[in-house]
Amino acid sequence: MGDVVNLNRFRKTRARAERAKEADANRIRFGRTKTEKERDRKEAERSTQTLDGKKLDDPA
């Protein structure tokens, strides 16, 4: 027979891990300087412009 598992403890542990993962993502997203945010914004803009420039026109 298997061991008895407390489901409430399991759920709380899983929820705590999910909150910690979300907190890490928020620290990365919001814990940046203004120059880092600007650099990332320009980099994203540059990549979208590069992709848009490489699109083929529709021959129809």
PDB file of N, CA and C in Angstrom:
ATOM      1  N   MET A   1       0.830  -1.182   0.000  1.00  0.00           N
ATOM      2  CA  MET A   1       0.000   0.000   0.000  1.00  0.00           C
ATOM      3  C   MET A   1       0.872   1.241   0.000  1.00  0.00           C
ATOM      4  N   GLY A   2       0.344   2.277  -0.599  1.00  0.00           N
ATOM      5  CA  GLY A   2       1.091   3.520  -0.670  1.00  0.00           C
ATOM      6  C   GLY A   2       0.961   4.351   0.585  1.00  0.00           C
ATOM      7  N   ASP A   3       1.755   5.360   0.660  1.00  0.00           N
ATOM      8  CA  ASP A   3       1.708   6.260   1.806  1.00  0.00           C
ATOM      9  C   ASP A   3       0.513   7.198   1.681  1.00  0.00           C
ATOM     10  N   VAL A   4       0.034   7.652   2.813  1.00  0.00           N
ATOM     11  CA  VAL A   4      -1.072   8.599   2.848  1.00  0.00           C
ATOM     12  C   VAL A   4      -0.507   9.986   2.520  1.00  0.00           C
ATOM     13  N   VAL A   5      -1.190  10.681   1.609  1.00  0.00           N
ATOM     14  CA  VAL A   5      -0.725  11.990   1.177  1.00  0.00           C
ATOM     15  C   VAL A   5      -1.767  13.029   1.560  1.00  0.00           C
ATOM     16  N   ASN A   6      -1.320  14.109   2.159  1.00  0.00           N
ATOM     17  CA  ASN A   6      -2.213  15.197   2.527  1.00  0.00           C
ATOM     18  C   ASN A   6      -2.389  16.086   1.293  1.00  0.00           C
ATOM     19  N   LEU A   7      -3.564  16.051   0.690  1.00  0.00           N
ATOM     20  CA  LEU A   7      -3.794  16.791  -0.544  1.00  0.00           C
ATOM     21  C   LEU A   7      -3.761  18.297  -0.332  1.00  0.00           C
ATOM     22  N   ASN A   8      -4.217  18.763   0.822  1.00  0.00           N
ATOM     23  CA  ASN A   8      -4.167  20.199   1.094  1.00  0.00           C
ATOM     24  C   ASN A   8      -2.725  20.699   1.112  1.00  0.00           C
ATOM     25  N   ARG A   9      -1.848  19.928   1.719  1.00  0.00           N
ATOM     26  CA  ARG A   9      -0.434  20.315   1.762  1.00  0.00           C
ATOM     27  C   ARG A   9       0.141  20.313   0.345  1.00  0.00           C
ATOM     28  N   PHE A  10      -0.235  19.316  -0.434  1.00  0.00           N
ATOM     29  CA  PHE A  10       0.243  19.240  -1.821  1.00  0.00           C
ATOM     30  C   PHE A  10      -0.226  20.453  -2.618  1.00  0.00           C
ATOM     31  N   ARG A  11      -1.510  20.815  -2.485  1.00  0.00           N
ATOM     32  CA  ARG A  11      -2.053  21.966  -3.212  1.00  0.00           C
ATOM     33  C   ARG A  11      -1.370  23.266  -2.799  1.00  0.00           C
ATOM     34  N   LYS A  12      -1.163  23.419  -1.493  1.00  0.00           N
ATOM     35  CA  LYS A  12      -0.522  24.631  -0.998  1.00  0.00           C
ATOM     36  C   LYS A  12       0.919  24.726  -1.486  1.00  0.00           C
ATOM     37  N   THR A  13       1.617  23.606  -1.504  1.00  0.00           N
ATOM     38  CA  THR A  13       2.994  23.594  -1.995  1.00  0.00           C
ATOM     39  C   THR A  13       3.045  23.959  -3.465  1.00  0.00           C
ATOM     40  N   ARG A  14       2.129  23.406  -4.249  1.00  0.00           N
ATOM     41  CA  ARG A  14       2.077  23.712  -5.682  1.00  0.00           C
ATOM     42  C   ARG A  14       1.738  25.182  -5.909  1.00  0.00           C
ATOM     43  N   ALA A  15       0.779  25.716  -5.161  1.00  0.00           N
ATOM     44  CA  ALA A  15       0.393  27.126  -5.299  1.00  0.00           C
ATOM     45  C   ALA A  15       1.548  28.037  -4.898  1.00  0.00           C
ATOM     46  N   ARG A  16       2.278  27.670  -3.858  1.00  0.00           N
ATOM     47  CA  ARG A  16       3.415  28.468  -3.415  1.00  0.00           C
ATOM     48  C   ARG A  16       4.496  28.501  -4.494  1.00  0.00           C
ATOM     49  N   ALA A  17       4.731  27.378  -5.147  1.00  0.00           N
ATOM     50  CA  ALA A  17       5.733  27.321  -6.211  1.00  0.00           C
ATOM     51  C   ALA A  17       5.304  28.167  -7.406  1.00  0.00           C
ATOM     52  N   GLU A  18       4.014  28.145  -7.749  1.00  0.00           N
ATOM     53  CA  GLU A  18       3.519  28.957  -8.862  1.00  0.00           C
ATOM     54  C   GLU A  18       3.647  30.442  -8.549  1.00  0.00           C
ATOM     55  N   ARG A  19       3.336  30.826  -7.318  1.00  0.00           N
ATOM     56  CA  ARG A  19       3.469  32.238  -6.933  1.00  0.00           C
ATOM     57  C   ARG A  19       4.931  32.674  -6.973  1.00  0.00           C
ATOM     58  N   ALA A  20       5.832  31.801  -6.553  1.00  0.00           N
ATOM     59  CA  ALA A  20       7.257  32.130  -6.571  1.00  0.00           C
ATOM     60  C   ALA A  20       7.742  32.301  -8.003  1.00  0.00           C
ATOM     61  N   LYS A  21       7.264  31.450  -8.913  1.00  0.00           N
ATOM     62  CA  LYS A  21       7.655  31.558 -10.318  1.00  0.00           C
ATOM     63  C   LYS A  21       7.147  32.869 -10.913  1.00  0.00           C
ATOM     64  N   GLU A  22       5.915  33.236 -10.591  1.00  0.00           N
ATOM     65  CA  GLU A  22       5.347  34.490 -11.083  1.00  0.00           C
ATOM     66  C   GLU A  22       6.096  35.693 -10.498  1.00  0.00           C
ATOM     67  N   ALA A  23       6.483  35.605  -9.231  1.00  0.00           N
ATOM     68  CA  ALA A  23       7.234  36.684  -8.597  1.00  0.00           C
ATOM     69  C   ALA A  23       8.589  36.869  -9.269  1.00  0.00           C
ATOM     70  N   ASP A  24       9.245  35.774  -9.625  1.00  0.00           N
ATOM     71  CA  ASP A  24      10.523  35.876 -10.337  1.00  0.00           C
ATOM     72  C   ASP A  24      10.350  36.567 -11.684  1.00  0.00           C
ATOM     73  N   ALA A  25       9.290  36.210 -12.400  1.00  0.00           N
ATOM     74  CA  ALA A  25       9.037  36.837 -13.691  1.00  0.00           C
ATOM     75  C   ALA A  25       8.763  38.324 -13.526  1.00  0.00           C
ATOM     76  N   ASN A  26       8.023  38.691 -12.490  1.00  0.00           N
ATOM     77  CA  ASN A  26       7.740  40.102 -12.247  1.00  0.00           C
ATOM     78  C   ASN A  26       8.991  40.864 -11.847  1.00  0.00           C
ATOM     79  N   ARG A  27       9.872  40.238 -11.094  1.00  0.00           N
ATOM     80  CA  ARG A  27      11.131  40.899 -10.729  1.00  0.00           C
ATOM     81  C   ARG A  27      11.947  41.204 -11.972  1.00  0.00           C
ATOM     82  N   ILE A  28      11.943  40.272 -12.905  1.00  0.00           N
ATOM     83  CA  ILE A  28      12.681  40.484 -14.144  1.00  0.00           C
ATOM     84  C   ILE A  28      12.024  41.587 -14.969  1.00  0.00           C
ATOM     85  N   ARG A  29      10.699  41.553 -15.064  1.00  0.00           N
ATOM     86  CA  ARG A  29       9.982  42.493 -15.915  1.00  0.00           C
ATOM     87  C   ARG A  29       9.994  43.917 -15.359  1.00  0.00           C
ATOM     88  N   PHE A  30       9.752  44.068 -14.074  1.00  0.00           N
ATOM     89  CA  PHE A  30       9.573  45.403 -13.511  1.00  0.00           C
ATOM     90  C   PHE A  30      10.798  45.931 -12.774  1.00  0.00           C
ATOM     91  N   GLY A  31      11.742  45.102 -12.477  1.00  0.00           N
ATOM     92  CA  GLY A  31      12.911  45.531 -11.728  1.00  0.00           C
ATOM     93  C   GLY A  31      14.059  45.923 -12.632  1.00  0.00           C
ATOM     94  N   ARG A  32      13.786  46.739 -13.638  1.00  0.00           N
ATOM     95  CA  ARG A  32      14.817  47.129 -14.586  1.00  0.00           C
ATOM     96  C   ARG A  32      14.937  48.647 -14.627  1.00  0.00           C
ATOM     97  N   THR A  33      16.079  49.120 -15.065  1.00  0.00           N
ATOM     98  CA  THR A  33      16.281  50.556 -15.189  1.00  0.00           C
ATOM     99  C   THR A  33      15.613  51.060 -16.460  1.00  0.00           C
ATOM    100  N   LYS A  34      15.493  52.366 -16.556  1.00  0.00           N
ATOM    101  CA  LYS A  34      14.851  52.986 -17.710  1.00  0.00           C
ATOM    102  C   LYS A  34      15.622  52.669 -18.995  1.00  0.00           C
ATOM    103  N   THR A  35      16.948  52.676 -18.923  1.00  0.00           N
ATOM    104  CA  THR A  35      17.746  52.399 -20.120  1.00  0.00           C
ATOM    105  C   THR A  35      17.581  50.951 -20.578  1.00  0.00           C
ATOM    106  N   GLU A  36      17.467  50.023 -19.629  1.00  0.00           N
ATOM    107  CA  GLU A  36      17.253  48.620 -20.009  1.00  0.00           C
ATOM    108  C   GLU A  36      15.908  48.442 -20.692  1.00  0.00           C
ATOM    109  N   LYS A  37      14.879  49.107 -20.161  1.00  0.00           N
ATOM    110  CA  LYS A  37      13.555  49.024 -20.774  1.00  0.00           C
ATOM    111  C   LYS A  37      13.582  49.610 -22.189  1.00  0.00           C
ATOM    112  N   GLU A  38      14.239  50.741 -22.348  1.00  0.00           N
ATOM    113  CA  GLU A  38      14.325  51.397 -23.656  1.00  0.00           C
ATOM    114  C   GLU A  38      15.092  50.520 -24.642  1.00  0.00           C
ATOM    115  N   ARG A  39      16.175  49.912 -24.188  1.00  0.00           N
ATOM    116  CA  ARG A  39      16.959  49.035 -25.056  1.00  0.00           C
ATOM    117  C   ARG A  39      16.128  47.846 -25.533  1.00  0.00           C
ATOM    118  N   ASP A  40      15.392  47.228 -24.626  1.00  0.00           N
ATOM    119  CA  ASP A  40      14.552  46.089 -24.992  1.00  0.00           C
ATOM    120  C   ASP A  40      13.440  46.503 -25.950  1.00  0.00           C
ATOM    121  N   ARG A  41      12.850  47.698 -25.720  1.00  0.00           N
ATOM    122  CA  ARG A  41      11.794  48.175 -26.602  1.00  0.00           C
ATOM    123  C   ARG A  41      12.331  48.412 -28.012  1.00  0.00           C
ATOM    124  N   LYS A  42      13.509  49.046 -28.102  1.00  0.00           N
ATOM    125  CA  LYS A  42      14.107  49.302 -29.416  1.00  0.00           C
ATOM    126  C   LYS A  42      14.501  47.995 -30.108  1.00  0.00           C
ATOM    127  N   GLU A  43      14.989  47.052 -29.340  1.00  0.00           N
ATOM    128  CA  GLU A  43      15.368  45.761 -29.909  1.00  0.00           C
ATOM    129  C   GLU A  43      14.150  45.031 -30.472  1.00  0.00           C
ATOM    130  N   ALA A  44      13.043  45.069 -29.750  1.00  0.00           N
ATOM    131  CA  ALA A  44      11.811  44.440 -30.231  1.00  0.00           C
ATOM    132  C   ALA A  44      11.303  45.155 -31.482  1.00  0.00           C
ATOM    133  N   GLU A  45      11.366  46.474 -31.479  1.00  0.00           N
ATOM    134  CA  GLU A  45      10.928  47.249 -32.641  1.00  0.00           C
ATOM    135  C   GLU A  45      11.793  46.932 -33.856  1.00  0.00           C
ATOM    136  N   ARG A  46      13.093  46.830 -33.647  1.00  0.00           N
ATOM    137  CA  ARG A  46      14.025  46.527 -34.734  1.00  0.00           C
ATOM    138  C   ARG A  46      13.745  45.136 -35.316  1.00  0.00           C
ATOM    139  N   SER A  47      13.455  44.176 -34.448  1.00  0.00           N
ATOM    140  CA  SER A  47      13.203  42.824 -34.941  1.00  0.00           C
ATOM    141  C   SER A  47      11.899  42.764 -35.734  1.00  0.00           C
ATOM    142  N   THR A  48      10.865  43.500 -35.298  1.00  0.00           N
ATOM    143  CA  THR A  48       9.615  43.499 -36.062  1.00  0.00           C
ATOM    144  C   THR A  48       9.808  44.192 -37.408  1.00  0.00           C
ATOM    145  N   GLN A  49      10.594  45.259 -37.445  1.00  0.00           N
ATOM    146  CA  GLN A  49      10.860  45.929 -38.717  1.00  0.00           C
ATOM    147  C   GLN A  49      11.638  45.017 -39.657  1.00  0.00           C
ATOM    148  N   THR A  50      12.587  44.271 -39.120  1.00  0.00           N
ATOM    149  CA  THR A  50      13.369  43.342 -39.934  1.00  0.00           C
ATOM    150  C   THR A  50      12.465  42.269 -40.523  1.00  0.00           C
ATOM    151  N   LEU A  51      11.577  41.716 -39.697  1.00  0.00           N
ATOM    152  CA  LEU A  51      10.669  40.687 -40.192  1.00  0.00           C
ATOM    153  C   LEU A  51       9.693  41.252 -41.214  1.00  0.00           C
ATOM    154  N   ASP A  52       9.172  42.455 -40.959  1.00  0.00           N
ATOM    155  CA  ASP A  52       8.238  43.073 -41.899  1.00  0.00           C
ATOM    156  C   ASP A  52       8.929  43.372 -43.220  1.00  0.00           C
ATOM    157  N   GLY A  53      10.200  43.721 -43.184  1.00  0.00           N
ATOM    158  CA  GLY A  53      10.938  44.013 -44.405  1.00  0.00           C
ATOM    159  C   GLY A  53      11.201  42.771 -45.236  1.00  0.00           C
ATOM    160  N   LYS A  54      11.162  41.604 -44.628  1.00  0.00           N
ATOM    161  CA  LYS A  54      11.456  40.368 -45.345  1.00  0.00           C
ATOM    162  C   LYS A  54      10.195  39.646 -45.829  1.00  0.00           C
ATOM    163  N   LYS A  55       9.041  40.234 -45.568  1.00  0.00           N
ATOM    164  CA  LYS A  55       7.799  39.618 -46.039  1.00  0.00           C
ATOM    165  C   LYS A  55       7.712  39.753 -47.548  1.00  0.00           C
ATOM    166  N   LEU A  56       7.188  38.718 -48.155  1.00  0.00           N
ATOM    167  CA  LEU A  56       6.982  38.736 -49.600  1.00  0.00           C
ATOM    168  C   LEU A  56       5.623  39.316 -49.909  1.00  0.00           C
ATOM    169  N   ASP A  57       5.553  40.101 -50.971  1.00  0.00           N
ATOM    170  CA  ASP A  57       4.262  40.652 -51.385  1.00  0.00           C
ATOM    171  C   ASP A  57       3.415  39.551 -51.969  1.00  0.00           C
ATOM    172  N   ASP A  58       2.120  39.695 -51.839  1.00  0.00           N
ATOM    173  CA  ASP A  58       1.165  38.732 -52.374  1.00  0.00           C
ATOM    174  C   ASP A  58       1.064  38.953 -53.883  1.00  0.00           C
ATOM    175  N   PRO A  59       1.341  37.936 -54.732  1.00  0.00           N
ATOM    176  CA  PRO A  59       1.342  38.131 -56.182  1.00  0.00           C
ATOM    177  C   PRO A  59      -0.067  38.327 -56.759  1.00  0.00           C
ATOM    178  N   ALA A  60      -1.102  38.107 -56.007  1.00  0.00           N
ATOM    179  CA  ALA A  60      -2.462  38.202 -56.531  1.00  0.00           C
ATOM    180  C   ALA A  60      -2.926  39.594 -56.701  1.00  0.00           C
TER     181      ALA A  60
END
